[in-house]
């Protein structure tokens, strides 16, 4: 039996000049994930959904565009190439400072996608880690943080990500992989309203849930690593996208700076 997060209550906001509260930091370090209620304003959400719908229509009309086309998943790879708003989201004013605090100032994008899980999609034994480098868990050894922006309400049975809290600190070896994702003992479902976001450590054990609802699950996803890592194949910025990197932070996030040089300062960003 899994728990669920359906109506996240507003958490205390960081004091002026501080990007993260102690409550947020402790929760993430203990559990390996963090929910950010109301990360997107209503106007932001509207702009992003409009751009996402246009990107989806273009992608479906052109089978040569990269992505995953399965009965249980539609994945638009490198969504930032579709519209400027998706580039803005990489630097989101609320979420990027959290990522930077939890991962480090040398943060860089590793991948970016738009995931659509259709109604009726069933997942069997799908529990996994996104980061396959087991070892001592310590903030200084953290390699990845993944950010999910919820673009459409995810009901309790709507296929929300199921997390196993604290699993990022498990020793080497894979925990049990349940046949039904929601049967994982102590699992927590990300059943969240549109506009919420959640962060996940790369070593947190998780799984896509079964979408038994009548609506698709729509997520905008960004994976952040360190700038001394390599952006994953297929996600390297195109020349036109690289030309939009007019700030030091965006240039660093797109892997366009010296991987061992000074880190970019956190500047005012989108949102």
C-alpha atoms as a PDB file:
ATOM      1  CA  UNK A   1       0.000   0.000   0.000  1.00  0.00           C
ATOM      2  CA  UNK A   2       1.390   3.380  -0.947  1.00  0.00           C
ATOM      3  CA  UNK A   3       0.870   6.774   0.558  1.00  0.00           C
ATOM      4  CA  UNK A   4      -0.109   9.681  -1.635  1.00  0.00           C
ATOM      5  CA  UNK A   5       0.498  13.391  -1.893  1.00  0.00           C
ATOM      6  CA  UNK A   6      -2.678  14.972  -3.199  1.00  0.00           C
ATOM      7  CA  UNK A   7      -2.974  18.490  -1.780  1.00  0.00           C
ATOM      8  CA  UNK A   8       0.512  19.639  -0.758  1.00  0.00           C
ATOM      9  CA  UNK A   9       0.337  22.337   1.855  1.00  0.00           C
ATOM     10  CA  UNK A  10       2.425  25.444   1.369  1.00  0.00           C
ATOM     11  CA  UNK A  11       5.797  25.146   3.076  1.00  0.00           C
ATOM     12  CA  UNK A  12       7.594  28.073   4.705  1.00  0.00           C
ATOM     13  CA  UNK A  13       9.326  30.264   2.142  1.00  0.00           C
ATOM     14  CA  UNK A  14      13.072  30.826   2.425  1.00  0.00           C
ATOM     15  CA  UNK A  15      14.155  34.099   4.050  1.00  0.00           C
ATOM     16  CA  UNK A  16      15.089  36.849   1.613  1.00  0.00           C
ATOM     17  CA  UNK A  17      18.302  35.956  -0.174  1.00  0.00           C
ATOM     18  CA  UNK A  18      18.155  32.257   0.738  1.00  0.00           C
ATOM     19  CA  UNK A  19      16.953  29.815  -1.941  1.00  0.00           C
ATOM     20  CA  UNK A  20      16.041  26.924   0.363  1.00  0.00           C
ATOM     21  CA  UNK A  21      14.558  26.464   3.828  1.00  0.00           C
ATOM     22  CA  UNK A  22      15.980  24.117   6.435  1.00  0.00           C
ATOM     23  CA  UNK A  23      12.738  22.156   6.251  1.00  0.00           C
ATOM     24  CA  UNK A  24      13.166  21.652   2.516  1.00  0.00           C
ATOM     25  CA  UNK A  25      16.831  20.705   2.824  1.00  0.00           C
ATOM     26  CA  UNK A  26      16.263  18.227   5.640  1.00  0.00           C
ATOM     27  CA  UNK A  27      13.292  16.662   3.867  1.00  0.00           C
ATOM     28  CA  UNK A  28      15.272  16.147   0.674  1.00  0.00           C
ATOM     29  CA  UNK A  29      18.336  14.775   2.445  1.00  0.00           C
ATOM     30  CA  UNK A  30      16.191  12.332   4.451  1.00  0.00           C
ATOM     31  CA  UNK A  31      13.799  11.224   1.715  1.00  0.00           C
ATOM     32  CA  UNK A  32      15.532  11.769  -1.621  1.00  0.00           C
ATOM     33  CA  UNK A  33      12.756  13.901  -3.088  1.00  0.00           C
ATOM     34  CA  UNK A  34      11.021  17.232  -2.497  1.00  0.00           C
ATOM     35  CA  UNK A  35       7.628  18.580  -3.579  1.00  0.00           C
ATOM     36  CA  UNK A  36       7.373  22.270  -4.547  1.00  0.00           C
ATOM     37  CA  UNK A  37       3.691  23.264  -4.397  1.00  0.00           C
ATOM     38  CA  UNK A  38       2.556  25.986  -6.807  1.00  0.00           C
ATOM     39  CA  UNK A  39       5.955  26.142  -8.496  1.00  0.00           C
ATOM     40  CA  UNK A  40       4.245  27.505 -11.603  1.00  0.00           C
ATOM     41  CA  UNK A  41       1.910  30.483 -11.611  1.00  0.00           C
ATOM     42  CA  UNK A  42      -1.377  30.196 -13.481  1.00  0.00           C
ATOM     43  CA  UNK A  43       0.007  32.340 -16.307  1.00  0.00           C
ATOM     44  CA  UNK A  44       3.179  30.262 -16.522  1.00  0.00           C
ATOM     45  CA  UNK A  45       1.216  27.031 -16.593  1.00  0.00           C
ATOM     46  CA  UNK A  46      -1.002  28.359 -19.366  1.00  0.00           C
ATOM     47  CA  UNK A  47       1.973  29.399 -21.506  1.00  0.00           C
ATOM     48  CA  UNK A  48       3.740  26.105 -20.983  1.00  0.00           C
ATOM     49  CA  UNK A  49       0.669  23.983 -21.726  1.00  0.00           C
ATOM     50  CA  UNK A  50       0.042  25.925 -24.937  1.00  0.00           C
ATOM     51  CA  UNK A  51       3.647  25.413 -26.038  1.00  0.00           C
ATOM     52  CA  UNK A  52       3.530  21.755 -25.002  1.00  0.00           C
ATOM     53  CA  UNK A  53       0.374  21.137 -27.021  1.00  0.00           C
ATOM     54  CA  UNK A  54       1.973  22.762 -30.075  1.00  0.00           C
ATOM     55  CA  UNK A  55       5.142  20.700 -29.603  1.00  0.00           C
ATOM     56  CA  UNK A  56       3.126  17.498 -29.258  1.00  0.00           C
ATOM     57  CA  UNK A  57       1.158  18.207 -32.438  1.00  0.00           C
ATOM     58  CA  UNK A  58       4.364  18.907 -34.374  1.00  0.00           C
ATOM     59  CA  UNK A  59       6.021  15.757 -33.001  1.00  0.00           C
ATOM     60  CA  UNK A  60       3.070  13.520 -33.822  1.00  0.00           C
ATOM     61  CA  UNK A  61       2.896  14.905 -37.353  1.00  0.00           C
ATOM     62  CA  UNK A  62       6.592  14.176 -38.028  1.00  0.00           C
ATOM     63  CA  UNK A  63       7.723  10.622 -37.179  1.00  0.00           C
ATOM     64  CA  UNK A  64      11.326  11.607 -37.938  1.00  0.00           C
ATOM     65  CA  UNK A  65      11.475  13.826 -34.858  1.00  0.00           C
ATOM     66  CA  UNK A  66      13.308  12.034 -32.009  1.00  0.00           C
ATOM     67  CA  UNK A  67      11.351  10.453 -29.218  1.00  0.00           C
ATOM     68  CA  UNK A  68       9.736   7.344 -27.810  1.00  0.00           C
ATOM     69  CA  UNK A  69       6.436   6.237 -29.308  1.00  0.00           C
ATOM     70  CA  UNK A  70       4.925   3.351 -27.369  1.00  0.00           C
ATOM     71  CA  UNK A  71       1.463   2.326 -26.302  1.00  0.00           C
ATOM     72  CA  UNK A  72       2.338   3.224 -22.705  1.00  0.00           C
ATOM     73  CA  UNK A  73       4.561   6.293 -23.238  1.00  0.00           C
ATOM     74  CA  UNK A  74       5.069   9.236 -25.557  1.00  0.00           C
ATOM     75  CA  UNK A  75       8.400  10.964 -24.927  1.00  0.00           C
ATOM     76  CA  UNK A  76       9.407  14.128 -26.773  1.00  0.00           C
ATOM     77  CA  UNK A  77      13.191  14.170 -26.517  1.00  0.00           C
ATOM     78  CA  UNK A  78      15.047  17.470 -26.100  1.00  0.00           C
ATOM     79  CA  UNK A  79      11.879  19.510 -25.610  1.00  0.00           C
ATOM     80  CA  UNK A  80      13.901  22.714 -25.254  1.00  0.00           C
ATOM     81  CA  UNK A  81      14.419  22.730 -29.023  1.00  0.00           C
ATOM     82  CA  UNK A  82      10.670  23.221 -29.584  1.00  0.00           C
ATOM     83  CA  UNK A  83       9.999  26.607 -27.969  1.00  0.00           C
ATOM     84  CA  UNK A  84      11.799  29.318 -25.945  1.00  0.00           C
ATOM     85  CA  UNK A  85       9.545  28.784 -22.922  1.00  0.00           C
ATOM     86  CA  UNK A  86      11.099  25.351 -22.367  1.00  0.00           C
ATOM     87  CA  UNK A  87      14.536  26.975 -22.259  1.00  0.00           C
ATOM     88  CA  UNK A  88      13.242  29.468 -19.701  1.00  0.00           C
ATOM     89  CA  UNK A  89      12.072  26.593 -17.510  1.00  0.00           C
ATOM     90  CA  UNK A  90      15.623  25.290 -17.253  1.00  0.00           C
ATOM     91  CA  UNK A  91      16.420  28.448 -15.240  1.00  0.00           C
ATOM     92  CA  UNK A  92      13.137  28.620 -13.351  1.00  0.00           C
ATOM     93  CA  UNK A  93      13.388  31.204 -10.580  1.00  0.00           C
ATOM     94  CA  UNK A  94      11.902  28.916  -7.901  1.00  0.00           C
ATOM     95  CA  UNK A  95      13.278  25.513  -8.847  1.00  0.00           C
ATOM     96  CA  UNK A  96      16.816  26.128 -10.157  1.00  0.00           C
ATOM     97  CA  UNK A  97      17.987  27.728  -6.882  1.00  0.00           C
ATOM     98  CA  UNK A  98      16.812  24.598  -5.034  1.00  0.00           C
ATOM     99  CA  UNK A  99      18.665  22.338  -7.461  1.00  0.00           C
ATOM    100  CA  UNK A 100      21.795  24.447  -7.197  1.00  0.00           C
ATOM    101  CA  UNK A 101      21.718  24.323  -3.388  1.00  0.00           C
ATOM    102  CA  UNK A 102      21.247  20.552  -3.320  1.00  0.00           C
ATOM    103  CA  UNK A 103      23.590  19.618  -6.183  1.00  0.00           C
ATOM    104  CA  UNK A 104      26.215  22.367  -6.188  1.00  0.00           C
ATOM    105  CA  UNK A 105      27.081  25.580  -8.071  1.00  0.00           C
ATOM    106  CA  UNK A 106      28.598  23.645 -10.999  1.00  0.00           C
ATOM    107  CA  UNK A 107      25.124  22.529 -12.116  1.00  0.00           C
ATOM    108  CA  UNK A 108      24.518  21.622 -15.766  1.00  0.00           C
ATOM    109  CA  UNK A 109      21.645  20.133 -17.773  1.00  0.00           C
ATOM    110  CA  UNK A 110      21.979  16.466 -18.751  1.00  0.00           C
ATOM    111  CA  UNK A 111      18.661  15.928 -20.512  1.00  0.00           C
ATOM    112  CA  UNK A 112      15.195  17.452 -20.981  1.00  0.00           C
ATOM    113  CA  UNK A 113      11.967  15.776 -22.098  1.00  0.00           C
ATOM    114  CA  UNK A 114       8.212  15.995 -22.266  1.00  0.00           C
ATOM    115  CA  UNK A 115       6.550  12.790 -21.009  1.00  0.00           C
ATOM    116  CA  UNK A 116       2.954  11.824 -21.755  1.00  0.00           C
ATOM    117  CA  UNK A 117       1.602   8.679 -20.110  1.00  0.00           C
ATOM    118  CA  UNK A 118      -1.716   7.805 -21.775  1.00  0.00           C
ATOM    119  CA  UNK A 119      -4.793   6.508 -19.943  1.00  0.00           C
ATOM    120  CA  UNK A 120      -4.637   2.765 -19.437  1.00  0.00           C
ATOM    121  CA  UNK A 121      -0.831   2.554 -19.413  1.00  0.00           C
ATOM    122  CA  UNK A 122       0.286  -0.298 -17.153  1.00  0.00           C
ATOM    123  CA  UNK A 123       3.798  -0.721 -15.769  1.00  0.00           C
ATOM    124  CA  UNK A 124       5.113  -4.135 -14.683  1.00  0.00           C
ATOM    125  CA  UNK A 125       8.185  -4.441 -12.449  1.00  0.00           C
ATOM    126  CA  UNK A 126       9.373  -0.987 -13.473  1.00  0.00           C
ATOM    127  CA  UNK A 127      11.175   0.129 -10.301  1.00  0.00           C
ATOM    128  CA  UNK A 128      14.618   1.571 -11.013  1.00  0.00           C
ATOM    129  CA  UNK A 129      17.323   4.113 -10.219  1.00  0.00           C
ATOM    130  CA  UNK A 130      18.171   6.867 -12.717  1.00  0.00           C
ATOM    131  CA  UNK A 131      21.727   7.062 -11.403  1.00  0.00           C
ATOM    132  CA  UNK A 132      23.581   3.761 -11.590  1.00  0.00           C
ATOM    133  CA  UNK A 133      26.583   4.588  -9.421  1.00  0.00           C
ATOM    134  CA  UNK A 134      26.030   3.077  -5.963  1.00  0.00           C
ATOM    135  CA  UNK A 135      28.266   4.232  -3.165  1.00  0.00           C
ATOM    136  CA  UNK A 136      28.367   6.324  -0.028  1.00  0.00           C
ATOM    137  CA  UNK A 137      25.512   8.814  -0.009  1.00  0.00           C
ATOM    138  CA  UNK A 138      26.778  12.292   0.748  1.00  0.00           C
ATOM    139  CA  UNK A 139      25.723  15.699  -0.608  1.00  0.00           C
ATOM    140  CA  UNK A 140      29.177  16.165  -2.103  1.00  0.00           C
ATOM    141  CA  UNK A 141      28.911  12.878  -4.028  1.00  0.00           C
ATOM    142  CA  UNK A 142      25.445  13.540  -5.460  1.00  0.00           C
ATOM    143  CA  UNK A 143      25.594  13.260  -9.246  1.00  0.00           C
ATOM    144  CA  UNK A 144      22.075  14.024 -10.436  1.00  0.00           C
ATOM    145  CA  UNK A 145      18.795  15.698  -9.544  1.00  0.00           C
ATOM    146  CA  UNK A 146      15.728  15.328 -11.735  1.00  0.00           C
ATOM    147  CA  UNK A 147      12.963  17.958 -11.791  1.00  0.00           C
ATOM    148  CA  UNK A 148       9.374  17.204 -12.813  1.00  0.00           C
ATOM    149  CA  UNK A 149       6.901  19.986 -13.624  1.00  0.00           C
ATOM    150  CA  UNK A 150       3.281  18.762 -13.488  1.00  0.00           C
ATOM    151  CA  UNK A 151       1.335  20.153 -16.467  1.00  0.00           C
ATOM    152  CA  UNK A 152      -1.993  18.404 -15.826  1.00  0.00           C
ATOM    153  CA  UNK A 153      -3.620  17.295 -12.572  1.00  0.00           C
ATOM    154  CA  UNK A 154      -2.469  13.788 -11.604  1.00  0.00           C
ATOM    155  CA  UNK A 155      -5.235  11.949  -9.731  1.00  0.00           C
ATOM    156  CA  UNK A 156      -4.569   9.222  -7.181  1.00  0.00           C
ATOM    157  CA  UNK A 157      -4.813   6.502  -9.856  1.00  0.00           C
ATOM    158  CA  UNK A 158      -3.324   8.654 -12.634  1.00  0.00           C
ATOM    159  CA  UNK A 159       0.113   7.090 -13.001  1.00  0.00           C
ATOM    160  CA  UNK A 160       2.025   9.507 -10.796  1.00  0.00           C
ATOM    161  CA  UNK A 161       5.631   8.661 -10.005  1.00  0.00           C
ATOM    162  CA  UNK A 162       5.916   6.388  -6.970  1.00  0.00           C
ATOM    163  CA  UNK A 163       8.938   7.106  -4.740  1.00  0.00           C
ATOM    164  CA  UNK A 164      10.538   4.952  -2.053  1.00  0.00           C
ATOM    165  CA  UNK A 165      11.573   7.535   0.571  1.00  0.00           C
ATOM    166  CA  UNK A 166      15.129   7.213   1.829  1.00  0.00           C
ATOM    167  CA  UNK A 167      16.130   4.711  -0.865  1.00  0.00           C
ATOM    168  CA  UNK A 168      18.863   7.064  -2.124  1.00  0.00           C
ATOM    169  CA  UNK A 169      20.784   6.092   1.023  1.00  0.00           C
ATOM    170  CA  UNK A 170      20.406   2.335   0.576  1.00  0.00           C
ATOM    171  CA  UNK A 171      23.624   0.293   0.231  1.00  0.00           C
ATOM    172  CA  UNK A 172      24.637  -1.325  -3.044  1.00  0.00           C
ATOM    173  CA  UNK A 173      22.087  -3.699  -4.507  1.00  0.00           C
ATOM    174  CA  UNK A 174      18.587  -3.275  -5.835  1.00  0.00           C
ATOM    175  CA  UNK A 175      15.563  -3.447  -3.524  1.00  0.00           C
ATOM    176  CA  UNK A 176      12.548  -5.581  -4.355  1.00  0.00           C
ATOM    177  CA  UNK A 177      10.820  -4.826  -7.675  1.00  0.00           C
ATOM    178  CA  UNK A 178       7.092  -5.251  -7.167  1.00  0.00           C
ATOM    179  CA  UNK A 179       4.883  -6.450 -10.023  1.00  0.00           C
ATOM    180  CA  UNK A 180       2.486  -3.558  -9.423  1.00  0.00           C
ATOM    181  CA  UNK A 181       4.300  -0.241  -8.783  1.00  0.00           C
ATOM    182  CA  UNK A 182       1.811   0.903  -6.151  1.00  0.00           C
ATOM    183  CA  UNK A 183       2.358  -2.276  -4.098  1.00  0.00           C
ATOM    184  CA  UNK A 184       5.821  -1.129  -2.993  1.00  0.00           C
ATOM    185  CA  UNK A 185       5.863  -0.992   0.845  1.00  0.00           C
ATOM    186  CA  UNK A 186       6.083   2.629   2.063  1.00  0.00           C
ATOM    187  CA  UNK A 187       5.932   3.981  -1.494  1.00  0.00           C
ATOM    188  CA  UNK A 188       4.651   7.529  -1.941  1.00  0.00           C
ATOM    189  CA  UNK A 189       2.636   8.535  -5.023  1.00  0.00           C
ATOM    190  CA  UNK A 190       3.199  11.924  -6.635  1.00  0.00           C
ATOM    191  CA  UNK A 191      -0.520  12.614  -7.115  1.00  0.00           C
ATOM    192  CA  UNK A 192      -0.200  16.365  -7.566  1.00  0.00           C
ATOM    193  CA  UNK A 193      -2.120  19.255  -9.117  1.00  0.00           C
ATOM    194  CA  UNK A 194      -1.014  21.020 -12.278  1.00  0.00           C
ATOM    195  CA  UNK A 195       1.571  23.687 -11.480  1.00  0.00           C
ATOM    196  CA  UNK A 196       3.360  21.680  -8.810  1.00  0.00           C
ATOM    197  CA  UNK A 197       6.909  20.444  -9.238  1.00  0.00           C
ATOM    198  CA  UNK A 198       8.980  17.801  -7.528  1.00  0.00           C
ATOM    199  CA  UNK A 199      12.699  17.115  -7.300  1.00  0.00           C
ATOM    200  CA  UNK A 200      14.222  13.646  -7.089  1.00  0.00           C
ATOM    201  CA  UNK A 201      17.759  12.526  -6.344  1.00  0.00           C
ATOM    202  CA  UNK A 202      19.243  10.332  -9.057  1.00  0.00           C
ATOM    203  CA  UNK A 203      19.697   7.494  -6.569  1.00  0.00           C
ATOM    204  CA  UNK A 204      16.082   7.493  -5.348  1.00  0.00           C
ATOM    205  CA  UNK A 205      14.305   4.240  -6.195  1.00  0.00           C
ATOM    206  CA  UNK A 206      11.125   5.039  -8.123  1.00  0.00           C
ATOM    207  CA  UNK A 207       8.661   3.880 -10.733  1.00  0.00           C
ATOM    208  CA  UNK A 208       5.991   5.280 -13.044  1.00  0.00           C
ATOM    209  CA  UNK A 209       2.605   4.317 -11.664  1.00  0.00           C
ATOM    210  CA  UNK A 210      -0.221   2.611 -13.505  1.00  0.00           C
ATOM    211  CA  UNK A 211      -2.456   5.190 -15.169  1.00  0.00           C
ATOM    212  CA  UNK A 212      -5.925   3.860 -14.396  1.00  0.00           C
ATOM    213  CA  UNK A 213      -7.538   7.270 -14.849  1.00  0.00           C
ATOM    214  CA  UNK A 214      -9.181   8.738 -17.942  1.00  0.00           C
ATOM    215  CA  UNK A 215      -6.597  11.475 -18.477  1.00  0.00           C
ATOM    216  CA  UNK A 216      -2.963  11.453 -19.608  1.00  0.00           C
ATOM    217  CA  UNK A 217      -0.144  12.249 -17.221  1.00  0.00           C
ATOM    218  CA  UNK A 218       1.865  15.198 -18.593  1.00  0.00           C
ATOM    219  CA  UNK A 219       5.291  16.048 -17.182  1.00  0.00           C
ATOM    220  CA  UNK A 220       8.042  18.414 -18.246  1.00  0.00           C
ATOM    221  CA  UNK A 221      11.305  16.847 -17.039  1.00  0.00           C
ATOM    222  CA  UNK A 222      14.823  18.248 -16.633  1.00  0.00           C
ATOM    223  CA  UNK A 223      17.823  16.287 -15.364  1.00  0.00           C
ATOM    224  CA  UNK A 224      20.680  18.266 -13.818  1.00  0.00           C
ATOM    225  CA  UNK A 225      24.206  17.041 -13.185  1.00  0.00           C
ATOM    226  CA  UNK A 226      27.643  18.637 -12.861  1.00  0.00           C
ATOM    227  CA  UNK A 227      29.360  20.570 -15.626  1.00  0.00           C
ATOM    228  CA  UNK A 228      32.323  18.174 -15.622  1.00  0.00           C
ATOM    229  CA  UNK A 229      29.890  15.476 -16.798  1.00  0.00           C
ATOM    230  CA  UNK A 230      28.846  15.041 -20.430  1.00  0.00           C
ATOM    231  CA  UNK A 231      25.385  15.970 -21.663  1.00  0.00           C
ATOM    232  CA  UNK A 232      23.614  12.784 -22.670  1.00  0.00           C
ATOM    233  CA  UNK A 233      23.680  11.829 -26.348  1.00  0.00           C
ATOM    234  CA  UNK A 234      20.872  13.458 -28.292  1.00  0.00           C
ATOM    235  CA  UNK A 235      20.486  16.354 -25.871  1.00  0.00           C
ATOM    236  CA  UNK A 236      23.387  18.537 -26.957  1.00  0.00           C
ATOM    237  CA  UNK A 237      22.100  22.054 -27.728  1.00  0.00           C
ATOM    238  CA  UNK A 238      21.697  22.937 -31.382  1.00  0.00           C
ATOM    239  CA  UNK A 239      23.503  26.044 -32.685  1.00  0.00           C
ATOM    240  CA  UNK A 240      20.241  28.010 -32.532  1.00  0.00           C
ATOM    241  CA  UNK A 241      19.634  26.965 -28.927  1.00  0.00           C
ATOM    242  CA  UNK A 242      23.237  27.716 -27.957  1.00  0.00           C
ATOM    243  CA  UNK A 243      22.826  31.194 -29.423  1.00  0.00           C
ATOM    244  CA  UNK A 244      20.110  31.899 -26.848  1.00  0.00           C
ATOM    245  CA  UNK A 245      22.591  31.438 -23.998  1.00  0.00           C
ATOM    246  CA  UNK A 246      22.943  35.143 -23.285  1.00  0.00           C
ATOM    247  CA  UNK A 247      23.614  34.747 -19.548  1.00  0.00           C
ATOM    248  CA  UNK A 248      26.552  32.966 -17.860  1.00  0.00           C
ATOM    249  CA  UNK A 249      24.167  30.648 -16.001  1.00  0.00           C
ATOM    250  CA  UNK A 250      22.318  29.523 -19.126  1.00  0.00           C
ATOM    251  CA  UNK A 251      25.622  29.008 -20.932  1.00  0.00           C
ATOM    252  CA  UNK A 252      26.783  26.803 -18.051  1.00  0.00           C
ATOM    253  CA  UNK A 253      23.504  24.879 -17.950  1.00  0.00           C
ATOM    254  CA  UNK A 254      23.818  24.154 -21.680  1.00  0.00           C
ATOM    255  CA  UNK A 255      27.377  22.858 -21.303  1.00  0.00           C
ATOM    256  CA  UNK A 256      28.955  25.770 -23.163  1.00  0.00           C
ATOM    257  CA  UNK A 257      31.490  26.811 -20.508  1.00  0.00           C
ATOM    258  CA  UNK A 258      34.795  25.438 -19.234  1.00  0.00           C
ATOM    259  CA  UNK A 259      33.856  22.371 -17.132  1.00  0.00           C
ATOM    260  CA  UNK A 260      36.636  23.181 -14.676  1.00  0.00           C
ATOM    261  CA  UNK A 261      36.389  26.968 -14.798  1.00  0.00           C
ATOM    262  CA  UNK A 262      34.557  29.360 -12.453  1.00  0.00           C
ATOM    263  CA  UNK A 263      30.901  28.633 -11.758  1.00  0.00           C
ATOM    264  CA  UNK A 264      28.250  30.998 -13.070  1.00  0.00           C
ATOM    265  CA  UNK A 265      26.426  33.159 -10.526  1.00  0.00           C
ATOM    266  CA  UNK A 266      22.742  32.587  -9.918  1.00  0.00           C
ATOM    267  CA  UNK A 267      20.910  35.380 -11.715  1.00  0.00           C
ATOM    268  CA  UNK A 268      17.283  36.381 -12.140  1.00  0.00           C
ATOM    269  CA  UNK A 269      15.580  33.724 -14.240  1.00  0.00           C
ATOM    270  CA  UNK A 270      12.244  32.920 -15.799  1.00  0.00           C
ATOM    271  CA  UNK A 271       8.978  32.446 -14.023  1.00  0.00           C
END
